[in-house]
Amino acid sequence: MKKVYYISPELSRFLHADSEKHELNIINMGVIAFLRNQAKQSANVECIFRICQDGLTFLAPQMKNRILFTDDLDSFKHLIMQRYHQITDVPSKELGNSIDKLGVGCFVVVYRKDGNIEPVTMYRFTSNFSAMISKENLFSLHMRYLSSEQRARCADVMLPTEDVKAKN
């Protein structure tokens, strides 16, 4: 199994209602919550699955471990402006120390401000960590949190609009 999907309780009841007749032709449903970890160092990882950014909205409220909270906007911007990070480069020393204490594997950083939360999936390697965000989700975060000058500085992240231009 490569993917674990999340479906709502209502959808689950609907599917169970058809469990004897099998009249539904299901093509796709739910949101991907977990993906199988294909990393080279997966032998050292606590779990063989990693959290998918798309399912994070449903999973974050239930998470107790491997979730870090920050209200430092500069640190959050730093995390979404680049894909790969050194632990020592995180602007918030408190957040950097918390990341350093984690073992290898997936974790979540939640930026919270004025009652709003913005969870982001990360992956911790032995000496650095990486943002595990799709280009579309990253583009959305850039539009909401970064200024136009900061978006222009994100050279290692190709935004969806550049993909379209490259194909034409």
N, C-alpha and C. Protein backbone atom coordinates (compact mmCIF):
# COMPACT_ATOMS: atom_id res chain seq x y z
N MET A 1 0.84 -1.16 0.00
CA MET A 1 0.00 0.00 0.00
C MET A 1 0.90 1.24 0.00
N LYS A 2 0.66 2.13 -0.97
CA LYS A 2 1.48 3.33 -1.08
C LYS A 2 0.82 4.55 -0.47
N LYS A 3 -0.52 4.59 -0.46
CA LYS A 3 -1.23 5.77 0.02
C LYS A 3 -2.34 5.35 0.98
N VAL A 4 -2.56 6.20 1.98
CA VAL A 4 -3.68 6.03 2.89
C VAL A 4 -4.55 7.27 2.74
N TYR A 5 -5.82 7.06 2.43
CA TYR A 5 -6.75 8.16 2.19
C TYR A 5 -7.60 8.42 3.43
N TYR A 6 -7.96 9.68 3.60
CA TYR A 6 -8.89 10.08 4.65
C TYR A 6 -10.24 10.34 3.99
N ILE A 7 -11.29 9.77 4.57
CA ILE A 7 -12.64 10.09 4.11
C ILE A 7 -13.46 10.48 5.34
N SER A 8 -14.49 11.25 5.12
CA SER A 8 -15.32 11.72 6.23
C SER A 8 -16.19 10.57 6.75
N PRO A 9 -16.65 10.67 7.99
CA PRO A 9 -17.54 9.64 8.54
C PRO A 9 -18.82 9.47 7.72
N GLU A 10 -19.33 10.56 7.17
CA GLU A 10 -20.54 10.48 6.36
C GLU A 10 -20.30 9.65 5.10
N LEU A 11 -19.17 9.89 4.45
CA LEU A 11 -18.83 9.13 3.25
C LEU A 11 -18.59 7.67 3.59
N SER A 12 -18.00 7.41 4.72
CA SER A 12 -17.79 6.03 5.16
C SER A 12 -19.11 5.30 5.35
N ARG A 13 -20.09 5.95 5.97
CA ARG A 13 -21.42 5.34 6.14
C ARG A 13 -22.07 5.08 4.79
N PHE A 14 -21.92 6.00 3.86
CA PHE A 14 -22.48 5.84 2.51
C PHE A 14 -21.86 4.62 1.81
N LEU A 15 -20.56 4.45 1.94
CA LEU A 15 -19.90 3.32 1.31
C LEU A 15 -20.30 1.99 1.96
N HIS A 16 -20.43 1.99 3.27
CA HIS A 16 -20.84 0.77 3.96
C HIS A 16 -22.27 0.38 3.59
N ALA A 17 -23.11 1.33 3.24
CA ALA A 17 -24.47 1.03 2.82
C ALA A 17 -24.49 0.25 1.51
N ASP A 18 -23.44 0.39 0.71
CA ASP A 18 -23.35 -0.32 -0.57
C ASP A 18 -22.44 -1.55 -0.48
N SER A 19 -22.04 -1.95 0.71
CA SER A 19 -21.07 -3.04 0.85
C SER A 19 -21.59 -4.39 0.37
N GLU A 20 -22.89 -4.62 0.37
CA GLU A 20 -23.42 -5.91 -0.07
C GLU A 20 -23.75 -5.91 -1.56
N LYS A 21 -24.26 -4.80 -2.08
CA LYS A 21 -24.68 -4.75 -3.48
C LYS A 21 -23.54 -4.46 -4.44
N HIS A 22 -22.58 -3.68 -4.03
CA HIS A 22 -21.44 -3.27 -4.87
C HIS A 22 -21.90 -2.61 -6.17
N GLU A 23 -22.84 -1.70 -6.06
CA GLU A 23 -23.35 -1.00 -7.24
C GLU A 23 -22.58 0.29 -7.54
N LEU A 24 -21.82 0.77 -6.59
CA LEU A 24 -21.06 2.00 -6.80
C LEU A 24 -19.79 1.71 -7.60
N ASN A 25 -19.52 2.57 -8.55
CA ASN A 25 -18.28 2.49 -9.31
C ASN A 25 -17.38 3.62 -8.80
N ILE A 26 -16.50 3.29 -7.89
CA ILE A 26 -15.67 4.31 -7.24
C ILE A 26 -14.39 4.49 -8.03
N ILE A 27 -14.17 5.71 -8.48
CA ILE A 27 -12.97 6.03 -9.24
C ILE A 27 -11.93 6.66 -8.33
N ASN A 28 -12.35 7.63 -7.55
CA ASN A 28 -11.44 8.32 -6.67
C ASN A 28 -12.25 8.98 -5.57
N MET A 29 -11.73 8.94 -4.34
CA MET A 29 -12.43 9.60 -3.25
C MET A 29 -11.47 9.89 -2.12
N GLY A 30 -11.81 10.85 -1.31
CA GLY A 30 -11.02 11.17 -0.15
C GLY A 30 -9.82 12.03 -0.48
N VAL A 31 -9.03 12.27 0.53
CA VAL A 31 -7.82 13.07 0.39
C VAL A 31 -6.66 12.22 0.92
N ILE A 32 -5.53 12.31 0.26
CA ILE A 32 -4.37 11.52 0.68
C ILE A 32 -3.88 12.05 2.03
N ALA A 33 -3.86 11.17 3.02
CA ALA A 33 -3.41 11.55 4.35
C ALA A 33 -1.96 11.12 4.60
N PHE A 34 -1.61 9.94 4.11
CA PHE A 34 -0.25 9.42 4.31
C PHE A 34 0.28 8.84 3.01
N LEU A 35 1.58 9.01 2.79
CA LEU A 35 2.28 8.41 1.65
C LEU A 35 3.39 7.52 2.20
N ARG A 36 3.63 6.41 1.53
CA ARG A 36 4.71 5.52 1.94
C ARG A 36 6.04 6.24 1.77
N ASN A 37 6.89 6.14 2.76
CA ASN A 37 8.18 6.80 2.74
C ASN A 37 9.16 5.98 1.89
N GLN A 38 9.64 6.56 0.80
CA GLN A 38 10.55 5.88 -0.11
C GLN A 38 12.00 6.33 0.10
N ALA A 39 12.27 7.09 1.16
CA ALA A 39 13.60 7.66 1.38
C ALA A 39 14.63 6.57 1.65
N LYS A 40 15.88 6.86 1.32
CA LYS A 40 16.98 5.92 1.52
C LYS A 40 17.17 5.59 2.99
N GLN A 41 17.00 6.58 3.84
CA GLN A 41 17.23 6.38 5.26
C GLN A 41 15.96 5.96 6.00
N SER A 42 14.99 5.37 5.29
CA SER A 42 13.72 5.00 5.91
C SER A 42 13.89 3.91 6.97
N ALA A 43 15.05 3.22 6.99
CA ALA A 43 15.29 2.21 8.03
C ALA A 43 15.43 2.87 9.40
N ASN A 44 15.86 4.12 9.44
CA ASN A 44 16.06 4.83 10.70
C ASN A 44 14.82 5.61 11.14
N VAL A 45 13.75 5.55 10.36
CA VAL A 45 12.57 6.36 10.60
C VAL A 45 11.59 5.62 11.50
N GLU A 46 10.93 6.35 12.38
CA GLU A 46 9.97 5.76 13.31
C GLU A 46 8.77 5.15 12.60
N CYS A 47 8.36 5.73 11.48
CA CYS A 47 7.16 5.29 10.78
C CYS A 47 7.45 5.14 9.30
N ILE A 48 6.84 4.15 8.66
CA ILE A 48 7.11 3.93 7.24
C ILE A 48 6.28 4.85 6.35
N PHE A 49 5.36 5.61 6.93
CA PHE A 49 4.56 6.56 6.18
C PHE A 49 4.93 7.98 6.59
N ARG A 50 4.73 8.92 5.67
CA ARG A 50 4.90 10.33 5.99
C ARG A 50 3.58 11.04 5.76
N ILE A 51 3.39 12.13 6.45
CA ILE A 51 2.14 12.89 6.35
C ILE A 51 2.12 13.68 5.06
N CYS A 52 1.00 13.66 4.38
CA CYS A 52 0.83 14.41 3.14
C CYS A 52 0.22 15.78 3.47
N GLN A 53 0.69 16.81 2.82
CA GLN A 53 0.22 18.17 3.07
C GLN A 53 -1.30 18.29 2.85
N ASP A 54 -1.83 17.59 1.86
CA ASP A 54 -3.26 17.69 1.56
C ASP A 54 -4.14 17.20 2.70
N GLY A 55 -3.72 16.17 3.42
CA GLY A 55 -4.52 15.63 4.51
C GLY A 55 -4.22 16.24 5.86
N LEU A 56 -3.28 17.18 5.88
CA LEU A 56 -2.83 17.76 7.14
C LEU A 56 -3.92 18.51 7.88
N THR A 57 -4.84 19.11 7.17
CA THR A 57 -5.94 19.85 7.79
C THR A 57 -6.75 18.95 8.72
N PHE A 58 -6.91 17.69 8.33
CA PHE A 58 -7.69 16.75 9.14
C PHE A 58 -6.85 16.07 10.21
N LEU A 59 -5.56 15.93 9.97
CA LEU A 59 -4.70 15.20 10.89
C LEU A 59 -4.11 16.06 12.00
N ALA A 60 -3.80 17.31 11.72
CA ALA A 60 -3.12 18.17 12.69
C ALA A 60 -3.85 18.28 14.03
N PRO A 61 -5.18 18.42 14.06
CA PRO A 61 -5.84 18.51 15.38
C PRO A 61 -5.68 17.25 16.24
N GLN A 62 -5.43 16.08 15.62
CA GLN A 62 -5.27 14.84 16.38
C GLN A 62 -3.81 14.56 16.74
N MET A 63 -2.88 15.31 16.19
CA MET A 63 -1.46 15.04 16.42
C MET A 63 -1.04 15.49 17.81
N LYS A 64 -0.24 14.66 18.45
CA LYS A 64 0.31 14.98 19.77
C LYS A 64 1.83 15.07 19.72
N ASN A 65 2.45 14.19 18.94
CA ASN A 65 3.91 14.15 18.81
C ASN A 65 4.31 14.65 17.43
N ARG A 66 5.55 15.08 17.31
CA ARG A 66 6.13 15.50 16.04
C ARG A 66 5.36 16.67 15.41
N ILE A 67 4.79 17.50 16.25
CA ILE A 67 4.14 18.73 15.79
C ILE A 67 4.72 19.89 16.60
N LEU A 68 5.18 20.91 15.88
CA LEU A 68 5.81 22.07 16.50
C LEU A 68 4.99 23.31 16.17
N PHE A 69 4.83 24.19 17.14
CA PHE A 69 4.05 25.41 16.94
C PHE A 69 4.98 26.62 17.00
N THR A 70 4.68 27.61 16.17
CA THR A 70 5.43 28.86 16.18
C THR A 70 4.49 30.01 15.88
N ASP A 71 4.80 31.16 16.44
CA ASP A 71 4.08 32.38 16.10
C ASP A 71 5.04 33.40 15.51
N ASP A 72 6.24 32.94 15.16
CA ASP A 72 7.27 33.79 14.56
C ASP A 72 7.10 33.80 13.04
N LEU A 73 6.60 34.91 12.52
CA LEU A 73 6.34 35.02 11.08
C LEU A 73 7.62 34.91 10.26
N ASP A 74 8.73 35.46 10.74
CA ASP A 74 9.99 35.38 10.00
C ASP A 74 10.44 33.93 9.83
N SER A 75 10.30 33.13 10.87
CA SER A 75 10.67 31.71 10.77
C SER A 75 9.76 30.98 9.79
N PHE A 76 8.46 31.28 9.86
CA PHE A 76 7.53 30.63 8.94
C PHE A 76 7.83 31.00 7.50
N LYS A 77 8.10 32.27 7.25
CA LYS A 77 8.46 32.70 5.89
C LYS A 77 9.73 32.00 5.42
N HIS A 78 10.70 31.87 6.31
CA HIS A 78 11.94 31.19 5.98
C HIS A 78 11.67 29.74 5.54
N LEU A 79 10.74 29.08 6.24
CA LEU A 79 10.43 27.69 5.94
C LEU A 79 9.75 27.53 4.58
N ILE A 80 8.94 28.50 4.17
CA ILE A 80 8.24 28.35 2.90
C ILE A 80 8.97 28.99 1.73
N MET A 81 10.01 29.75 1.99
CA MET A 81 10.75 30.40 0.90
C MET A 81 11.76 29.45 0.24
N GLN A 82 12.19 28.43 0.95
CA GLN A 82 13.15 27.48 0.41
C GLN A 82 12.65 26.07 0.65
N ARG A 83 13.10 25.16 -0.16
CA ARG A 83 12.71 23.76 0.01
C ARG A 83 13.58 23.07 1.07
N TYR A 84 14.89 23.29 1.05
CA TYR A 84 15.82 22.64 1.96
C TYR A 84 16.40 23.63 2.95
N HIS A 85 16.59 23.18 4.20
CA HIS A 85 17.04 24.06 5.27
C HIS A 85 18.08 23.37 6.14
N GLN A 86 19.00 24.17 6.65
CA GLN A 86 19.89 23.73 7.72
C GLN A 86 19.20 24.08 9.03
N ILE A 87 19.31 23.24 10.01
CA ILE A 87 18.64 23.49 11.28
C ILE A 87 19.15 24.76 11.94
N THR A 88 20.42 25.05 11.75
CA THR A 88 21.01 26.24 12.37
C THR A 88 20.56 27.54 11.71
N ASP A 89 19.96 27.46 10.52
CA ASP A 89 19.56 28.66 9.78
C ASP A 89 18.16 29.16 10.13
N VAL A 90 17.42 28.43 10.96
CA VAL A 90 16.06 28.84 11.32
C VAL A 90 16.15 30.09 12.19
N PRO A 91 15.46 31.18 11.82
CA PRO A 91 15.55 32.44 12.58
C PRO A 91 15.17 32.30 14.06
N SER A 92 14.16 31.53 14.37
CA SER A 92 13.74 31.33 15.76
C SER A 92 14.60 30.21 16.37
N LYS A 93 15.42 30.56 17.34
CA LYS A 93 16.28 29.56 17.99
C LYS A 93 15.46 28.51 18.71
N GLU A 94 14.32 28.92 19.26
CA GLU A 94 13.44 27.97 19.95
C GLU A 94 12.92 26.91 18.97
N LEU A 95 12.47 27.33 17.80
CA LEU A 95 11.99 26.40 16.79
C LEU A 95 13.15 25.53 16.27
N GLY A 96 14.29 26.14 16.05
CA GLY A 96 15.46 25.38 15.60
C GLY A 96 15.87 24.31 16.60
N ASN A 97 15.86 24.63 17.90
CA ASN A 97 16.19 23.64 18.93
C ASN A 97 15.16 22.51 18.96
N SER A 98 13.88 22.85 18.78
CA SER A 98 12.83 21.84 18.77
C SER A 98 13.00 20.89 17.58
N ILE A 99 13.35 21.43 16.42
CA ILE A 99 13.58 20.59 15.24
C ILE A 99 14.81 19.72 15.46
N ASP A 100 15.84 20.27 16.08
CA ASP A 100 17.08 19.53 16.32
C ASP A 100 16.85 18.33 17.25
N LYS A 101 15.88 18.44 18.16
CA LYS A 101 15.60 17.35 19.10
C LYS A 101 14.83 16.20 18.45
N LEU A 102 14.20 16.46 17.30
CA LEU A 102 13.43 15.41 16.63
C LEU A 102 14.35 14.41 15.96
N GLY A 103 13.89 13.17 15.87
CA GLY A 103 14.62 12.16 15.12
C GLY A 103 14.31 12.29 13.64
N VAL A 104 14.95 11.46 12.84
CA VAL A 104 14.73 11.46 11.40
C VAL A 104 13.28 11.06 11.12
N GLY A 105 12.64 11.78 10.20
CA GLY A 105 11.28 11.46 9.82
C GLY A 105 10.43 12.70 9.61
N CYS A 106 9.17 12.47 9.39
CA CYS A 106 8.22 13.53 9.09
C CYS A 106 7.78 14.25 10.36
N PHE A 107 7.58 15.56 10.24
CA PHE A 107 7.03 16.34 11.34
C PHE A 107 6.25 17.51 10.74
N VAL A 108 5.52 18.21 11.59
CA VAL A 108 4.65 19.30 11.15
C VAL A 108 5.00 20.56 11.92
N VAL A 109 5.13 21.68 11.20
CA VAL A 109 5.29 23.00 11.82
C VAL A 109 3.99 23.75 11.58
N VAL A 110 3.43 24.27 12.67
CA VAL A 110 2.17 25.01 12.58
C VAL A 110 2.43 26.46 12.96
N TYR A 111 2.16 27.35 12.02
CA TYR A 111 2.23 28.78 12.29
C TYR A 111 0.85 29.21 12.76
N ARG A 112 0.80 29.83 13.91
CA ARG A 112 -0.50 30.28 14.42
C ARG A 112 -0.43 31.75 14.80
N LYS A 113 -1.45 32.47 14.35
CA LYS A 113 -1.53 33.91 14.61
C LYS A 113 -3.00 34.32 14.59
N ASP A 114 -3.45 35.00 15.61
CA ASP A 114 -4.81 35.53 15.70
C ASP A 114 -5.88 34.47 15.46
N GLY A 115 -5.69 33.28 16.01
CA GLY A 115 -6.68 32.22 15.88
C GLY A 115 -6.58 31.41 14.60
N ASN A 116 -5.79 31.87 13.63
CA ASN A 116 -5.60 31.12 12.39
C ASN A 116 -4.39 30.22 12.52
N ILE A 117 -4.47 29.04 11.89
CA ILE A 117 -3.33 28.14 11.89
C ILE A 117 -2.97 27.79 10.46
N GLU A 118 -1.69 27.58 10.22
CA GLU A 118 -1.20 27.19 8.90
C GLU A 118 -0.19 26.06 9.09
N PRO A 119 -0.63 24.79 8.96
CA PRO A 119 0.29 23.67 9.14
C PRO A 119 1.08 23.39 7.86
N VAL A 120 2.35 23.02 8.04
CA VAL A 120 3.23 22.70 6.92
C VAL A 120 3.97 21.41 7.24
N THR A 121 3.98 20.48 6.29
CA THR A 121 4.67 19.21 6.47
C THR A 121 6.15 19.37 6.16
N MET A 122 6.98 18.85 7.03
CA MET A 122 8.43 18.89 6.87
C MET A 122 8.98 17.47 7.04
N TYR A 123 10.20 17.29 6.57
CA TYR A 123 10.87 16.00 6.75
C TYR A 123 12.27 16.25 7.29
N ARG A 124 12.59 15.63 8.41
CA ARG A 124 13.88 15.80 9.07
C ARG A 124 14.84 14.72 8.59
N PHE A 125 15.98 15.13 8.07
CA PHE A 125 17.07 14.23 7.73
C PHE A 125 18.05 14.24 8.89
N THR A 126 19.21 13.66 8.73
CA THR A 126 20.15 13.60 9.85
C THR A 126 20.68 14.98 10.24
N SER A 127 21.02 15.82 9.27
CA SER A 127 21.59 17.13 9.62
C SER A 127 20.81 18.32 9.07
N ASN A 128 19.78 18.09 8.29
CA ASN A 128 18.98 19.18 7.75
C ASN A 128 17.53 18.73 7.64
N PHE A 129 16.68 19.58 7.08
CA PHE A 129 15.28 19.20 6.89
C PHE A 129 14.73 19.86 5.64
N SER A 130 13.58 19.38 5.21
CA SER A 130 13.02 19.79 3.93
C SER A 130 11.52 20.03 4.06
N ALA A 131 11.00 20.97 3.29
CA ALA A 131 9.56 21.20 3.20
C ALA A 131 8.97 20.17 2.24
N MET A 132 7.91 19.51 2.64
CA MET A 132 7.26 18.49 1.81
C MET A 132 5.92 19.03 1.32
N ILE A 133 5.99 20.06 0.48
CA ILE A 133 4.81 20.77 0.03
C ILE A 133 4.76 20.74 -1.49
N SER A 134 3.59 20.48 -2.05
CA SER A 134 3.46 20.50 -3.51
C SER A 134 3.62 21.93 -4.02
N LYS A 135 3.91 22.06 -5.30
CA LYS A 135 4.10 23.38 -5.90
C LYS A 135 2.85 24.25 -5.78
N GLU A 136 1.69 23.64 -5.92
CA GLU A 136 0.43 24.38 -5.84
C GLU A 136 0.20 24.93 -4.44
N ASN A 137 0.42 24.07 -3.42
CA ASN A 137 0.25 24.53 -2.04
C ASN A 137 1.29 25.57 -1.67
N LEU A 138 2.50 25.39 -2.17
CA LEU A 138 3.56 26.35 -1.90
C LEU A 138 3.24 27.70 -2.53
N PHE A 139 2.71 27.67 -3.74
CA PHE A 139 2.31 28.90 -4.42
C PHE A 139 1.24 29.64 -3.61
N SER A 140 0.29 28.89 -3.06
CA SER A 140 -0.76 29.48 -2.23
C SER A 140 -0.17 30.13 -0.97
N LEU A 141 0.77 29.45 -0.32
CA LEU A 141 1.42 30.02 0.86
C LEU A 141 2.21 31.27 0.50
N HIS A 142 2.89 31.25 -0.64
CA HIS A 142 3.65 32.42 -1.07
C HIS A 142 2.74 33.61 -1.30
N MET A 143 1.61 33.38 -1.93
CA MET A 143 0.67 34.48 -2.20
C MET A 143 0.11 35.07 -0.91
N ARG A 144 -0.09 34.26 0.11
CA ARG A 144 -0.70 34.74 1.35
C ARG A 144 0.29 35.36 2.32
N TYR A 145 1.53 34.89 2.32
CA TYR A 145 2.46 35.31 3.38
C TYR A 145 3.67 36.10 2.91
N LEU A 146 4.04 36.03 1.65
CA LEU A 146 5.25 36.69 1.19
C LEU A 146 4.94 37.93 0.38
N SER A 147 5.82 38.91 0.47
CA SER A 147 5.70 40.10 -0.37
C SER A 147 6.18 39.74 -1.78
N SER A 148 5.92 40.61 -2.73
CA SER A 148 6.35 40.33 -4.11
C SER A 148 7.86 40.24 -4.21
N GLU A 149 8.60 41.01 -3.41
CA GLU A 149 10.06 40.93 -3.42
C GLU A 149 10.54 39.59 -2.87
N GLN A 150 9.89 39.11 -1.82
CA GLN A 150 10.25 37.82 -1.25
C GLN A 150 9.93 36.68 -2.20
N ARG A 151 8.80 36.77 -2.91
CA ARG A 151 8.45 35.74 -3.88
C ARG A 151 9.47 35.69 -5.01
N ALA A 152 9.97 36.86 -5.41
CA ALA A 152 10.97 36.92 -6.49
C ALA A 152 12.29 36.28 -6.06
N ARG A 153 12.59 36.30 -4.77
CA ARG A 153 13.84 35.72 -4.26
C ARG A 153 13.79 34.20 -4.14
N CYS A 154 12.63 33.62 -4.27
CA CYS A 154 12.48 32.16 -4.14
C CYS A 154 12.91 31.50 -5.44
N ALA A 155 14.19 31.51 -5.73
CA ALA A 155 14.72 31.04 -7.01
C ALA A 155 14.67 29.52 -7.15
N ASP A 156 14.80 28.78 -6.05
CA ASP A 156 14.84 27.32 -6.17
C ASP A 156 13.46 26.69 -6.21
N VAL A 157 12.41 27.49 -6.11
CA VAL A 157 11.05 26.97 -6.15
C VAL A 157 10.39 27.45 -7.43
N MET A 158 10.05 26.54 -8.32
CA MET A 158 9.38 26.93 -9.55
C MET A 158 7.88 26.97 -9.31
N LEU A 159 7.28 28.09 -9.52
CA LEU A 159 5.86 28.28 -9.27
C LEU A 159 5.04 27.79 -10.45
N PRO A 160 3.77 27.43 -10.24
CA PRO A 160 2.94 26.89 -11.31
C PRO A 160 2.84 27.80 -12.54
N THR A 161 2.85 29.11 -12.35
CA THR A 161 2.75 30.00 -13.50
C THR A 161 3.97 29.85 -14.41
N GLU A 162 5.12 29.54 -13.86
CA GLU A 162 6.32 29.33 -14.67
C GLU A 162 6.24 27.99 -15.42
N ASP A 163 5.57 26.99 -14.84
CA ASP A 163 5.37 25.72 -15.54
C ASP A 163 4.57 25.93 -16.81
N VAL A 164 3.52 26.74 -16.71
CA VAL A 164 2.67 27.01 -17.87
C VAL A 164 3.44 27.75 -18.95
N LYS A 165 4.24 28.74 -18.55
CA LYS A 165 5.04 29.48 -19.52
C LYS A 165 6.05 28.58 -20.22
N ALA A 166 6.63 27.64 -19.50
CA ALA A 166 7.65 26.76 -20.06
C ALA A 166 7.05 25.83 -21.12
N LYS A 167 5.80 25.43 -20.95
CA LYS A 167 5.16 24.52 -21.90
C LYS A 167 4.76 25.22 -23.18
N ASN A 168 4.51 26.53 -23.15
CA ASN A 168 4.05 27.28 -24.33
C ASN A 168 5.19 27.69 -25.21
